Every structure is written in structure tokens, then in C-alpha cells.
Amino acid sequence: MAPPPATEAVNYGELTTSYANKSNYDSGVIPNKEMVTRLNQSLSTTNNWDGFKFAPIRESTVSRAMTRRYFNDLDKYAESDIVIVGAGSCGLSAAYVLAASRPDLKIAIIEGGVAPGGGAWLGGQLFSAMIMRKPAEKFLEAIGVPYDDEGDYVVVKHAALFTSTLLSKVLAFPNVKLFNATTVEDLITRTDPETKELRVAGVVTNWTLVSLHHDDQSCMDPNTINAPVVLSTTGHDGPFGAFSVKRLLSMGAIEKLGGMRGLDMQLAEDAIVKQTREIFPGMVVGGMELSEMDGANRMGPTFGAMALSGVKAAESVLEIFDLRKQQNDSQ
């Protein structure tokens, strides 16, 4: 299957022009009888399942193919252009816009969990529907996710429909690699020899299972990925929540964290989108990690700001990329 077109605009309000309108979501999105018939015809075995047989394979062939591909990716993305830490709704939205806008850039996504998507597989309290306040429905239209319009907000019938659609489109880009079950343990930093400015220049990684057992094991050194820009979208919850801003604090790169305030949807979503930015040279932060940085309110089970913070984060990354790359190449 061909990758998504690389010509979509960065502005989320214009992304809709590249995809079907809501009125024709049924075309190619929702499976129908004709699609199933074509599948059966392509298999050409539907009338003879008793004689069905896969092509031959040897176990070592699978092992070599799997291992070779993964280690080739490790080699290719050891020098990346952009590293995204966290593959939740914000990180994936940013990855989509970045990959579509700049197919020339190598984008590595680091996700601590086996399953990417963060908390966007379900709505609040393990309910299935996903709520997005307008104008975030424009992003849904851009990636082809149907919704019910309820006036000031829209409802996706299952959050997994949004996350699986977005994830599949991001992974289809040839310039994106997702390293899941992998954790960012630290940040690579550089000091400019002239200005003495400290900046982020990549990430330190390890298998998640190794990271979780540093207290009871020893001699488990990490790996690294160099990149002129790191986008951190690690959220505010879980064992690795707000990791990047906490690490900047512990190394003395920032003075303090604001700490997330109580839940207020009305205030929180606006604040998160507006404050998405480069918070430290080489480090852009988006999504709920910003609430820990700035002292913004918790937003709860509404997802519009997650998607649009990702869009703004992508714009912020591209605004600083040339400068940070020039600095990175010189050291």
C-alpha cells in the first residue's frame, strides 16, 4: 500500500482538503459486502478451504527477517531528525503532521508501552466513546474518522477508532519508525562552545523491562539516538509521565515545575494548545506534560486539545528545526 500523500498542509484547518468529507465516510472506510467479496476473490480459496496452504517457511527465516529489519532500523534512526517521546494522541498527531509536511525528515517515535496510543484507546472511566470539542473535528476529518456532531462538540463512537486510524496512517509513512516497548531514560545534551547555552540533542533509550528493573539489576547500560529536536509528549500519568520536564528539573536546566492543577476542562484545553512550545533549546513539549511544566489544569476525558496540541507541536518543531540542526551538525 502506498504511503499517505506528503503534501498535506500543516495547518489543521486545511488538512481536510486532502481527504473525504464526512458525507462520504462510507466509501472505503466502513467495510461492506463488496469489499468482503473482493477479499474472497483475491484469496481464490473460498470454495476449497480444506486444501488451503500457506507458502513454505522455515523458523530461522522468520527470525532472520525480523531481526535484520529491526537492527537495520536501529542503525538508520541512530541519527534522527526528530525524536518524539510518547506515542499517545498528542505524539501521534504531531507525527502525522510532521511526516506529511516533511517527508525528507527521519522521525523516530519512542513508546514505553507495547501498545502505542497512551490513554486514547478509551474515553473516561474506561467508557468507549471519545469526546472532542470543536474545532478539533477538523483533525478527525483530515484523517478520515467519522463522528456524531453534537453542536459544540463531537463524539467518536469508540476512542479506538480514532487511535487505530491515526496510528495506521502514521506508521504508513516511510520516514517514520516506532520503537515501542522502549523507554527514554535520559536526555543527550550539548553545550554551545561560544554561547555556553545548554540544549537537548537526543535521547537515551533502553528496553522498558530493563528500565523498570534498574533497582534490582546492575550493569544494564542504555542506547542512544541523536536528534537536533526532541518532542516530548509523555503525559502527566503513569510510571514515565512528564519524564522530560522532570529530567530537565533534576539536571538544573529549569528552575521549577508548576505542577498540574485540579480538573477544569474549560481552562485546560485552551491552555495546553496555546502553551505548546519549545520550553528548552532543542526540546518541544506538548499535551498534558505541559500541565506539569506550567501548572495548567487537568482536562479529564476530552481529547480535542491532545490532537491540536500535537498539530501545534509539529509546527513548533518545524519552526526551530533548521537552527537546531545547524547547531547539532557543528558538534
C-alpha atoms as a PDB file:
ATOM      1  CA  MET A   1       0.000   0.000   0.000  1.00  0.00           C
ATOM      2  CA  ALA A   2       1.316   3.414  -0.906  1.00  0.00           C
ATOM      3  CA  PRO A   3       2.118   5.791   1.974  1.00  0.00           C
ATOM      4  CA  PRO A   4      -0.160   8.772   2.614  1.00  0.00           C
ATOM      5  CA  PRO A   5       0.453  11.788   0.402  1.00  0.00           C
ATOM      6  CA  ALA A   6       3.225  14.084   1.603  1.00  0.00           C
ATOM      7  CA  THR A   7       1.530  17.284   0.529  1.00  0.00           C
ATOM      8  CA  GLU A   8      -0.991  17.918   3.307  1.00  0.00           C
ATOM      9  CA  ALA A   9      -0.754  21.317   4.940  1.00  0.00           C
ATOM     10  CA  VAL A  10       0.485  21.747   8.478  1.00  0.00           C
ATOM     11  CA  ASN A  11      -2.478  23.904   9.493  1.00  0.00           C
ATOM     12  CA  TYR A  12      -5.118  21.569  10.880  1.00  0.00           C
ATOM     13  CA  GLY A  13      -7.854  23.748   9.435  1.00  0.00           C
ATOM     14  CA  GLU A  14      -6.616  22.963   5.937  1.00  0.00           C
ATOM     15  CA  LEU A  15      -5.845  19.283   6.405  1.00  0.00           C
ATOM     16  CA  THR A  16      -9.410  18.353   5.471  1.00  0.00           C
ATOM     17  CA  THR A  17      -8.830  19.180   1.817  1.00  0.00           C
ATOM     18  CA  SER A  18      -6.767  16.019   1.301  1.00  0.00           C
ATOM     19  CA  TYR A  19      -9.399  13.568   2.497  1.00  0.00           C
ATOM     20  CA  ALA A  20     -13.048  12.644   2.057  1.00  0.00           C
ATOM     21  CA  ASN A  21     -15.705  14.814   3.639  1.00  0.00           C
ATOM     22  CA  LYS A  22     -17.873  13.382   6.395  1.00  0.00           C
ATOM     23  CA  SER A  23     -20.674  12.833   3.880  1.00  0.00           C
ATOM     24  CA  ASN A  24     -18.742  10.101   2.099  1.00  0.00           C
ATOM     25  CA  TYR A  25     -17.004   8.390   5.005  1.00  0.00           C
ATOM     26  CA  ASP A  26     -18.847   5.208   3.994  1.00  0.00           C
ATOM     27  CA  SER A  27     -16.710   4.995   0.851  1.00  0.00           C
ATOM     28  CA  GLY A  28     -13.765   2.759   1.686  1.00  0.00           C
ATOM     29  CA  VAL A  29     -13.892   3.308   5.448  1.00  0.00           C
ATOM     30  CA  ILE A  30     -16.725   1.098   6.647  1.00  0.00           C
ATOM     31  CA  PRO A  31     -16.418  -2.496   5.322  1.00  0.00           C
ATOM     32  CA  ASN A  32     -19.280  -3.636   3.116  1.00  0.00           C
ATOM     33  CA  LYS A  33     -20.351  -6.756   1.235  1.00  0.00           C
ATOM     34  CA  GLU A  34     -18.485  -5.772  -1.944  1.00  0.00           C
ATOM     35  CA  MET A  35     -15.212  -5.393  -0.055  1.00  0.00           C
ATOM     36  CA  VAL A  36     -15.624  -8.830   1.514  1.00  0.00           C
ATOM     37  CA  THR A  37     -16.398 -10.311  -1.894  1.00  0.00           C
ATOM     38  CA  ARG A  38     -13.205  -8.827  -3.341  1.00  0.00           C
ATOM     39  CA  LEU A  39     -11.241 -10.310  -0.440  1.00  0.00           C
ATOM     40  CA  ASN A  40     -12.692 -13.734  -1.097  1.00  0.00           C
ATOM     41  CA  GLN A  41     -11.921 -13.478  -4.791  1.00  0.00           C
ATOM     42  CA  SER A  42      -8.334 -12.414  -4.137  1.00  0.00           C
ATOM     43  CA  LEU A  43      -7.762 -15.418  -1.888  1.00  0.00           C
ATOM     44  CA  SER A  44      -9.310 -17.673  -4.549  1.00  0.00           C
ATOM     45  CA  THR A  45      -9.686 -20.431  -1.944  1.00  0.00           C
ATOM     46  CA  THR A  46     -13.111 -19.704  -0.538  1.00  0.00           C
ATOM     47  CA  ASN A  47     -14.625 -22.789  -2.131  1.00  0.00           C
ATOM     48  CA  ASN A  48     -11.792 -25.090  -1.094  1.00  0.00           C
ATOM     49  CA  TRP A  49     -10.673 -24.247   2.465  1.00  0.00           C
ATOM     50  CA  ASP A  50      -9.856 -27.914   3.048  1.00  0.00           C
ATOM     51  CA  GLY A  51      -6.999 -27.568   0.578  1.00  0.00           C
ATOM     52  CA  PHE A  52      -5.746 -24.231   1.903  1.00  0.00           C
ATOM     53  CA  LYS A  53      -1.989 -23.933   2.442  1.00  0.00           C
ATOM     54  CA  PHE A  54       0.408 -21.058   3.186  1.00  0.00           C
ATOM     55  CA  ALA A  55       3.673 -20.569   1.311  1.00  0.00           C
ATOM     56  CA  PRO A  56       6.519 -22.598   2.884  1.00  0.00           C
ATOM     57  CA  ILE A  57       8.668 -21.063   5.650  1.00  0.00           C
ATOM     58  CA  ARG A  58      11.475 -22.077   7.988  1.00  0.00           C
ATOM     59  CA  GLU A  59      11.665 -20.767  11.566  1.00  0.00           C
ATOM     60  CA  SER A  60      15.148 -19.359  11.059  1.00  0.00           C
ATOM     61  CA  THR A  61      13.881 -17.388   8.062  1.00  0.00           C
ATOM     62  CA  VAL A  62      11.354 -15.604  10.257  1.00  0.00           C
ATOM     63  CA  SER A  63      13.957 -14.947  12.950  1.00  0.00           C
ATOM     64  CA  ARG A  64      16.476 -13.526  10.498  1.00  0.00           C
ATOM     65  CA  ALA A  65      13.960 -11.358   8.648  1.00  0.00           C
ATOM     66  CA  MET A  66      12.569  -9.923  11.888  1.00  0.00           C
ATOM     67  CA  THR A  67      15.981  -9.329  13.453  1.00  0.00           C
ATOM     68  CA  ARG A  68      17.552  -7.906  10.300  1.00  0.00           C
ATOM     69  CA  ARG A  69      14.749  -5.396   9.783  1.00  0.00           C
ATOM     70  CA  TYR A  70      14.781  -4.211  13.389  1.00  0.00           C
ATOM     71  CA  PHE A  71      18.529  -3.744  13.622  1.00  0.00           C
ATOM     72  CA  ASN A  72      18.593  -2.012  10.256  1.00  0.00           C
ATOM     73  CA  ASP A  73      16.068   0.423  11.729  1.00  0.00           C
ATOM     74  CA  LEU A  74      18.210   0.920  14.820  1.00  0.00           C
ATOM     75  CA  ASP A  75      21.155   1.749  12.593  1.00  0.00           C
ATOM     76  CA  LYS A  76      19.130   4.060  10.339  1.00  0.00           C
ATOM     77  CA  TYR A  77      17.496   6.031  13.152  1.00  0.00           C
ATOM     78  CA  ALA A  78      20.564   6.274  15.429  1.00  0.00           C
ATOM     79  CA  GLU A  79      20.859   9.699  13.783  1.00  0.00           C
ATOM     80  CA  SER A  80      17.316  11.020  13.510  1.00  0.00           C
ATOM     81  CA  ASP A  81      15.976  14.435  12.629  1.00  0.00           C
ATOM     82  CA  ILE A  82      13.168  14.398  15.188  1.00  0.00           C
ATOM     83  CA  VAL A  83      12.526  12.141  18.162  1.00  0.00           C
ATOM     84  CA  ILE A  84       9.006  12.016  19.585  1.00  0.00           C
ATOM     85  CA  VAL A  85       8.840  10.672  23.136  1.00  0.00           C
ATOM     86  CA  GLY A  86       5.443   9.128  23.789  1.00  0.00           C
ATOM     87  CA  ALA A  87       3.006   7.716  21.238  1.00  0.00           C
ATOM     88  CA  GLY A  88      -0.243   8.889  22.767  1.00  0.00           C
ATOM     89  CA  SER A  89      -2.836  11.002  20.996  1.00  0.00           C
ATOM     90  CA  CYS A  90      -0.669  14.144  21.086  1.00  0.00           C
ATOM     91  CA  GLY A  91       2.548  12.461  19.948  1.00  0.00           C
ATOM     92  CA  LEU A  92       0.843  10.569  17.134  1.00  0.00           C
ATOM     93  CA  SER A  93      -0.988  13.693  15.938  1.00  0.00           C
ATOM     94  CA  ALA A  94       2.310  15.544  15.814  1.00  0.00           C
ATOM     95  CA  ALA A  95       3.975  12.651  13.998  1.00  0.00           C
ATOM     96  CA  TYR A  96       1.229  12.668  11.369  1.00  0.00           C
ATOM     97  CA  VAL A  97       1.638  16.363  10.611  1.00  0.00           C
ATOM     98  CA  LEU A  98       5.449  16.223  10.664  1.00  0.00           C
ATOM     99  CA  ALA A  99       5.700  13.184   8.411  1.00  0.00           C
ATOM    100  CA  ALA A 100       3.196  14.567   5.922  1.00  0.00           C
ATOM    101  CA  SER A 101       4.783  18.014   5.873  1.00  0.00           C
ATOM    102  CA  ARG A 102       8.436  16.966   5.706  1.00  0.00           C
ATOM    103  CA  PRO A 103       8.904  13.556   4.054  1.00  0.00           C
ATOM    104  CA  ASP A 104      12.643  14.287   3.957  1.00  0.00           C
ATOM    105  CA  LEU A 105      12.977  14.093   7.749  1.00  0.00           C
ATOM    106  CA  LYS A 106      13.625  10.905   9.736  1.00  0.00           C
ATOM    107  CA  ILE A 107      11.185  10.715  12.636  1.00  0.00           C
ATOM    108  CA  ALA A 108      11.698   8.220  15.462  1.00  0.00           C
ATOM    109  CA  ILE A 109       8.857   7.649  17.934  1.00  0.00           C
ATOM    110  CA  ILE A 110       9.777   6.140  21.306  1.00  0.00           C
ATOM    111  CA  GLU A 111       6.953   4.478  23.238  1.00  0.00           C
ATOM    112  CA  GLY A 112       7.394   2.775  26.603  1.00  0.00           C
ATOM    113  CA  GLY A 113       4.365   0.516  26.250  1.00  0.00           C
ATOM    114  CA  VAL A 114       3.950  -2.472  23.993  1.00  0.00           C
ATOM    115  CA  ALA A 115       0.756  -0.893  22.638  1.00  0.00           C
ATOM    116  CA  PRO A 116       1.089   2.706  21.393  1.00  0.00           C
ATOM    117  CA  GLY A 117      -1.824   5.067  21.877  1.00  0.00           C
ATOM    118  CA  GLY A 118      -1.465   6.030  25.517  1.00  0.00           C
ATOM    119  CA  GLY A 119      -4.803   6.703  27.141  1.00  0.00           C
ATOM    120  CA  ALA A 120      -6.625   7.213  23.850  1.00  0.00           C
ATOM    121  CA  TRP A 121      -7.947   3.668  23.425  1.00  0.00           C
ATOM    122  CA  LEU A 122     -10.888   4.513  25.689  1.00  0.00           C
ATOM    123  CA  GLY A 123     -12.702   7.611  26.893  1.00  0.00           C
ATOM    124  CA  GLY A 124     -13.129   8.468  30.556  1.00  0.00           C
ATOM    125  CA  GLN A 125     -13.510   5.799  33.253  1.00  0.00           C
ATOM    126  CA  LEU A 126     -12.999   3.011  30.703  1.00  0.00           C
ATOM    127  CA  PHE A 127     -16.004   4.150  28.641  1.00  0.00           C
ATOM    128  CA  SER A 128     -15.643   3.661  24.907  1.00  0.00           C
ATOM    129  CA  ALA A 129     -16.811   6.951  23.337  1.00  0.00           C
ATOM    130  CA  MET A 130     -14.337   9.770  22.667  1.00  0.00           C
ATOM    131  CA  ILE A 131     -15.364  13.413  23.061  1.00  0.00           C
ATOM    132  CA  MET A 132     -13.661  16.254  21.187  1.00  0.00           C
ATOM    133  CA  ARG A 133     -14.627  19.904  21.471  1.00  0.00           C
ATOM    134  CA  LYS A 134     -14.760  21.922  18.287  1.00  0.00           C
ATOM    135  CA  PRO A 135     -12.766  22.855  16.240  1.00  0.00           C
ATOM    136  CA  ALA A 136     -10.860  19.575  16.776  1.00  0.00           C
ATOM    137  CA  GLU A 137     -13.308  17.801  14.469  1.00  0.00           C
ATOM    138  CA  LYS A 138     -11.286  19.225  11.575  1.00  0.00           C
ATOM    139  CA  PHE A 139      -8.446  16.909  12.522  1.00  0.00           C
ATOM    140  CA  LEU A 140     -10.854  13.949  12.587  1.00  0.00           C
ATOM    141  CA  GLU A 141     -11.987  14.867   9.091  1.00  0.00           C
ATOM    142  CA  ALA A 142      -8.383  15.130   7.950  1.00  0.00           C
ATOM    143  CA  ILE A 143      -7.550  11.565   8.954  1.00  0.00           C
ATOM    144  CA  GLY A 144     -10.929  10.111   7.980  1.00  0.00           C
ATOM    145  CA  VAL A 145     -12.549   9.359  11.351  1.00  0.00           C
ATOM    146  CA  PRO A 146     -16.369   9.577  11.403  1.00  0.00           C
ATOM    147  CA  TYR A 147     -18.123  11.310  14.269  1.00  0.00           C
ATOM    148  CA  ASP A 148     -21.535  12.456  15.519  1.00  0.00           C
ATOM    149  CA  ASP A 149     -21.938  16.226  15.644  1.00  0.00           C
ATOM    150  CA  GLU A 150     -23.453  17.354  18.943  1.00  0.00           C
ATOM    151  CA  GLY A 151     -23.150  21.106  18.478  1.00  0.00           C
ATOM    152  CA  ASP A 152     -20.143  22.421  20.388  1.00  0.00           C
ATOM    153  CA  TYR A 153     -18.525  19.001  20.485  1.00  0.00           C
ATOM    154  CA  VAL A 154     -18.370  15.779  18.514  1.00  0.00           C
ATOM    155  CA  VAL A 155     -18.451  12.134  19.578  1.00  0.00           C
ATOM    156  CA  VAL A 156     -16.399   9.325  18.051  1.00  0.00           C
ATOM    157  CA  LYS A 157     -18.287   6.095  18.731  1.00  0.00           C
ATOM    158  CA  HIS A 158     -15.162   4.391  20.088  1.00  0.00           C
ATOM    159  CA  ALA A 159     -11.876   6.009  21.022  1.00  0.00           C
ATOM    160  CA  ALA A 160     -10.052   3.070  19.459  1.00  0.00           C
ATOM    161  CA  LEU A 161     -11.417   4.101  16.060  1.00  0.00           C
ATOM    162  CA  PHE A 162      -9.551   7.401  16.334  1.00  0.00           C
ATOM    163  CA  THR A 163      -6.359   5.895  17.716  1.00  0.00           C
ATOM    164  CA  SER A 164      -6.157   2.944  15.333  1.00  0.00           C
ATOM    165  CA  THR A 165      -6.843   5.155  12.306  1.00  0.00           C
ATOM    166  CA  LEU A 166      -4.257   7.746  13.294  1.00  0.00           C
ATOM    167  CA  LEU A 167      -1.696   5.085  14.214  1.00  0.00           C
ATOM    168  CA  SER A 168      -2.111   3.225  10.922  1.00  0.00           C
ATOM    169  CA  LYS A 169      -1.596   6.423   8.930  1.00  0.00           C
ATOM    170  CA  VAL A 170       1.479   7.439  10.923  1.00  0.00           C
ATOM    171  CA  LEU A 171       3.093   4.006  10.556  1.00  0.00           C
ATOM    172  CA  ALA A 172       2.456   4.007   6.800  1.00  0.00           C
ATOM    173  CA  PHE A 173       4.801   6.942   6.276  1.00  0.00           C
ATOM    174  CA  PRO A 174       8.201   5.730   5.031  1.00  0.00           C
ATOM    175  CA  ASN A 175      10.054   8.343   7.122  1.00  0.00           C
ATOM    176  CA  VAL A 176       8.629   7.214  10.485  1.00  0.00           C
ATOM    177  CA  LYS A 177       9.802   4.425  12.789  1.00  0.00           C
ATOM    178  CA  LEU A 178       8.022   3.483  16.008  1.00  0.00           C
ATOM    179  CA  PHE A 179      10.186   1.850  18.679  1.00  0.00           C
ATOM    180  CA  ASN A 180       7.651   0.554  21.175  1.00  0.00           C
ATOM    181  CA  ALA A 181       8.416  -1.307  24.421  1.00  0.00           C
ATOM    182  CA  THR A 182      11.314   1.175  24.553  1.00  0.00           C
ATOM    183  CA  THR A 183      11.823   3.831  27.201  1.00  0.00           C
ATOM    184  CA  VAL A 184      13.634   7.143  27.221  1.00  0.00           C
ATOM    185  CA  GLU A 185      15.846   7.009  30.322  1.00  0.00           C
ATOM    186  CA  ASP A 186      17.720  10.260  29.881  1.00  0.00           C
ATOM    187  CA  LEU A 187      18.399  13.168  27.550  1.00  0.00           C
ATOM    188  CA  ILE A 188      21.503  13.826  25.465  1.00  0.00           C
ATOM    189  CA  THR A 189      22.707  17.395  25.961  1.00  0.00           C
ATOM    190  CA  ARG A 190      25.270  19.679  24.345  1.00  0.00           C
ATOM    191  CA  THR A 191      26.786  22.980  25.466  1.00  0.00           C
ATOM    192  CA  ASP A 192      27.407  25.554  22.772  1.00  0.00           C
ATOM    193  CA  PRO A 193      31.157  26.375  22.874  1.00  0.00           C
ATOM    194  CA  GLU A 194      30.558  30.070  22.189  1.00  0.00           C
ATOM    195  CA  THR A 195      27.306  30.984  23.937  1.00  0.00           C
ATOM    196  CA  LYS A 196      27.577  28.278  26.639  1.00  0.00           C
ATOM    197  CA  GLU A 197      23.889  27.587  26.045  1.00  0.00           C
ATOM    198  CA  LEU A 198      22.802  24.094  27.029  1.00  0.00           C
ATOM    199  CA  ARG A 199      20.428  22.313  24.661  1.00  0.00           C
ATOM    200  CA  VAL A 200      18.836  18.900  24.181  1.00  0.00           C
ATOM    201  CA  ALA A 201      20.419  16.897  21.371  1.00  0.00           C
ATOM    202  CA  GLY A 202      18.800  13.473  21.544  1.00  0.00           C
ATOM    203  CA  VAL A 203      17.606  10.754  23.899  1.00  0.00           C
ATOM    204  CA  VAL A 204      18.988   7.840  25.898  1.00  0.00           C
ATOM    205  CA  THR A 205      16.936   4.667  25.454  1.00  0.00           C
ATOM    206  CA  ASN A 206      16.543   1.195  26.894  1.00  0.00           C
ATOM    207  CA  TRP A 207      14.071  -1.677  26.779  1.00  0.00           C
ATOM    208  CA  THR A 208      11.151  -0.796  29.054  1.00  0.00           C
ATOM    209  CA  LEU A 209      11.517  -4.029  31.003  1.00  0.00           C
ATOM    210  CA  VAL A 210      15.150  -3.165  31.696  1.00  0.00           C
ATOM    211  CA  SER A 211      14.264   0.371  32.801  1.00  0.00           C
ATOM    212  CA  LEU A 212      11.699  -0.962  35.243  1.00  0.00           C
ATOM    213  CA  HIS A 213      14.269  -3.232  36.881  1.00  0.00           C
ATOM    214  CA  HIS A 214      17.252  -0.951  37.404  1.00  0.00           C
ATOM    215  CA  ASP A 215      16.729  -1.224  41.162  1.00  0.00           C
ATOM    216  CA  ASP A 216      17.215  -4.992  41.242  1.00  0.00           C
ATOM    217  CA  GLN A 217      19.729  -5.486  38.422  1.00  0.00           C
ATOM    218  CA  SER A 218      23.083  -3.936  37.548  1.00  0.00           C
ATOM    219  CA  CYS A 219      25.257  -3.176  34.515  1.00  0.00           C
ATOM    220  CA  MET A 220      22.392  -2.515  32.111  1.00  0.00           C
ATOM    221  CA  ASP A 221      23.730   0.369  30.068  1.00  0.00           C
ATOM    222  CA  PRO A 222      21.431   2.098  27.551  1.00  0.00           C
ATOM    223  CA  ASN A 223      21.447   3.010  23.870  1.00  0.00           C
ATOM    224  CA  THR A 224      21.201   6.482  22.280  1.00  0.00           C
ATOM    225  CA  ILE A 225      19.524   8.370  19.447  1.00  0.00           C
ATOM    226  CA  ASN A 226      20.926  11.725  18.342  1.00  0.00           C
ATOM    227  CA  ALA A 227      18.473  14.318  17.050  1.00  0.00           C
ATOM    228  CA  PRO A 228      18.508  18.127  16.796  1.00  0.00           C
ATOM    229  CA  VAL A 229      14.922  18.333  18.123  1.00  0.00           C
ATOM    230  CA  VAL A 230      13.122  16.207  20.692  1.00  0.00           C
ATOM    231  CA  LEU A 231       9.347  16.482  21.055  1.00  0.00           C
ATOM    232  CA  SER A 232       8.159  15.198  24.416  1.00  0.00           C
ATOM    233  CA  THR A 233       4.519  14.182  24.840  1.00  0.00           C
ATOM    234  CA  THR A 234       4.730  11.820  27.811  1.00  0.00           C
ATOM    235  CA  GLY A 235       1.553  12.947  29.578  1.00  0.00           C
ATOM    236  CA  HIS A 236       1.052  13.508  33.282  1.00  0.00           C
ATOM    237  CA  ASP A 237       0.301   9.996  34.500  1.00  0.00           C
ATOM    238  CA  GLY A 238       1.936   6.570  34.717  1.00  0.00           C
ATOM    239  CA  PRO A 239       5.482   5.469  35.576  1.00  0.00           C
ATOM    240  CA  PHE A 240       7.088   7.620  32.860  1.00  0.00           C
ATOM    241  CA  GLY A 241       4.671  10.575  32.951  1.00  0.00           C
ATOM    242  CA  ALA A 242       6.147  14.051  32.383  1.00  0.00           C
ATOM    243  CA  PHE A 243       9.569  12.410  32.193  1.00  0.00           C
ATOM    244  CA  SER A 244      11.343  15.019  30.090  1.00  0.00           C
ATOM    245  CA  VAL A 245      10.386  18.077  32.124  1.00  0.00           C
ATOM    246  CA  LYS A 246      11.193  16.218  35.352  1.00  0.00           C
ATOM    247  CA  ARG A 247      14.622  15.342  33.959  1.00  0.00           C
ATOM    248  CA  LEU A 248      15.271  18.947  32.943  1.00  0.00           C
ATOM    249  CA  LEU A 249      14.442  19.945  36.521  1.00  0.00           C
ATOM    250  CA  SER A 250      16.699  17.321  38.090  1.00  0.00           C
ATOM    251  CA  MET A 251      19.659  18.358  35.949  1.00  0.00           C
ATOM    252  CA  GLY A 252      19.139  22.012  36.858  1.00  0.00           C
ATOM    253  CA  ALA A 253      18.179  23.060  33.349  1.00  0.00           C
ATOM    254  CA  ILE A 254      14.898  24.580  34.553  1.00  0.00           C
ATOM    255  CA  GLU A 255      14.199  26.108  37.956  1.00  0.00           C
ATOM    256  CA  LYS A 256      10.863  24.552  38.900  1.00  0.00           C
ATOM    257  CA  LEU A 257       7.729  22.775  37.708  1.00  0.00           C
ATOM    258  CA  GLY A 258       4.343  24.385  38.068  1.00  0.00           C
ATOM    259  CA  GLY A 259       2.592  21.130  38.966  1.00  0.00           C
ATOM    260  CA  MET A 260      -0.731  20.091  37.476  1.00  0.00           C
ATOM    261  CA  ARG A 261      -3.781  21.851  38.904  1.00  0.00           C
ATOM    262  CA  GLY A 262      -7.237  20.381  39.506  1.00  0.00           C
ATOM    263  CA  LEU A 263      -9.546  19.392  36.669  1.00  0.00           C
ATOM    264  CA  ASP A 264     -11.119  22.235  34.688  1.00  0.00           C
ATOM    265  CA  MET A 265     -11.908  21.311  31.076  1.00  0.00           C
ATOM    266  CA  GLN A 266     -12.851  24.846  30.095  1.00  0.00           C
ATOM    267  CA  LEU A 267      -9.456  26.237  31.086  1.00  0.00           C
ATOM    268  CA  ALA A 268      -7.238  23.237  30.498  1.00  0.00           C
ATOM    269  CA  GLU A 269      -7.717  22.564  26.801  1.00  0.00           C
ATOM    270  CA  ASP A 270      -7.179  26.171  25.718  1.00  0.00           C
ATOM    271  CA  ALA A 271      -4.096  26.457  27.915  1.00  0.00           C
ATOM    272  CA  ILE A 272      -2.469  23.249  26.659  1.00  0.00           C
ATOM    273  CA  VAL A 273      -2.834  24.177  22.989  1.00  0.00           C
ATOM    274  CA  LYS A 274      -1.746  27.804  23.493  1.00  0.00           C
ATOM    275  CA  GLN A 275       1.307  26.893  25.584  1.00  0.00           C
ATOM    276  CA  THR A 276       2.639  24.110  23.329  1.00  0.00           C
ATOM    277  CA  ARG A 277       6.153  25.317  22.512  1.00  0.00           C
ATOM    278  CA  GLU A 278       9.899  24.856  22.735  1.00  0.00           C
ATOM    279  CA  ILE A 279      10.341  25.021  26.509  1.00  0.00           C
ATOM    280  CA  PHE A 280      14.113  24.491  26.408  1.00  0.00           C
ATOM    281  CA  PRO A 281      16.568  24.656  23.488  1.00  0.00           C
ATOM    282  CA  GLY A 282      16.026  21.542  21.403  1.00  0.00           C
ATOM    283  CA  MET A 283      13.027  20.379  23.457  1.00  0.00           C
ATOM    284  CA  VAL A 284       9.407  20.979  22.414  1.00  0.00           C
ATOM    285  CA  VAL A 285       6.710  19.814  24.832  1.00  0.00           C
ATOM    286  CA  GLY A 286       3.066  19.143  24.018  1.00  0.00           C
ATOM    287  CA  GLY A 287      -0.013  17.596  25.586  1.00  0.00           C
ATOM    288  CA  MET A 288      -0.527  17.019  29.280  1.00  0.00           C
ATOM    289  CA  GLU A 289       3.183  17.050  30.065  1.00  0.00           C
ATOM    290  CA  LEU A 290       2.752  20.823  29.800  1.00  0.00           C
ATOM    291  CA  SER A 291       0.362  20.791  32.746  1.00  0.00           C
ATOM    292  CA  GLU A 292       3.221  19.618  34.963  1.00  0.00           C
ATOM    293  CA  MET A 293       5.547  22.199  33.442  1.00  0.00           C
ATOM    294  CA  ASP A 294       3.273  25.233  33.554  1.00  0.00           C
ATOM    295  CA  GLY A 295       0.814  24.457  36.323  1.00  0.00           C
ATOM    296  CA  ALA A 296      -2.129  24.107  33.947  1.00  0.00           C
ATOM    297  CA  ASN A 297      -5.345  22.393  34.907  1.00  0.00           C
ATOM    298  CA  ARG A 298      -6.094  18.747  34.322  1.00  0.00           C
ATOM    299  CA  MET A 299      -8.522  18.352  31.400  1.00  0.00           C
ATOM    300  CA  GLY A 300     -10.066  14.951  32.009  1.00  0.00           C
ATOM    301  CA  PRO A 301     -11.733  12.783  29.335  1.00  0.00           C
ATOM    302  CA  THR A 302     -11.851  15.257  26.454  1.00  0.00           C
ATOM    303  CA  PHE A 303      -9.349  14.818  23.635  1.00  0.00           C
ATOM    304  CA  GLY A 304      -9.511  17.836  21.335  1.00  0.00           C
ATOM    305  CA  ALA A 305      -6.543  19.566  22.940  1.00  0.00           C
ATOM    306  CA  MET A 306      -4.451  16.405  22.646  1.00  0.00           C
ATOM    307  CA  ALA A 307      -4.848  16.322  18.871  1.00  0.00           C
ATOM    308  CA  LEU A 308      -4.450  20.056  18.328  1.00  0.00           C
ATOM    309  CA  SER A 309      -1.531  20.365  20.739  1.00  0.00           C
ATOM    310  CA  GLY A 310       0.094  17.730  18.536  1.00  0.00           C
ATOM    311  CA  VAL A 311      -0.568  19.841  15.457  1.00  0.00           C
ATOM    312  CA  LYS A 312       0.873  22.950  17.118  1.00  0.00           C
ATOM    313  CA  ALA A 313       3.831  20.944  18.440  1.00  0.00           C
ATOM    314  CA  ALA A 314       4.625  19.871  14.882  1.00  0.00           C
ATOM    315  CA  GLU A 315       4.550  23.500  13.776  1.00  0.00           C
ATOM    316  CA  SER A 316       6.837  24.462  16.684  1.00  0.00           C
ATOM    317  CA  VAL A 317       9.290  21.708  15.773  1.00  0.00           C
ATOM    318  CA  LEU A 318       9.479  22.857  12.167  1.00  0.00           C
ATOM    319  CA  GLU A 319       9.970  26.487  13.205  1.00  0.00           C
ATOM    320  CA  ILE A 320      13.139  25.660  15.139  1.00  0.00           C
ATOM    321  CA  PHE A 321      14.395  22.678  13.178  1.00  0.00           C
ATOM    322  CA  ASP A 322      16.841  24.382  10.810  1.00  0.00           C
ATOM    323  CA  LEU A 323      18.559  26.282  13.617  1.00  0.00           C
ATOM    324  CA  ARG A 324      18.812  23.270  15.914  1.00  0.00           C
ATOM    325  CA  LYS A 325      20.058  21.063  13.099  1.00  0.00           C
ATOM    326  CA  GLN A 326      22.774  23.561  12.236  1.00  0.00           C
ATOM    327  CA  GLN A 327      23.857  23.599  15.880  1.00  0.00           C
ATOM    328  CA  ASN A 328      23.684  19.810  16.097  1.00  0.00           C
ATOM    329  CA  ASP A 329      25.769  19.280  12.968  1.00  0.00           C
ATOM    330  CA  SER A 330      28.528  21.508  14.317  1.00  0.00           C
ATOM    331  CA  GLN A 331      29.051  19.410  17.461  1.00  0.00           C
END
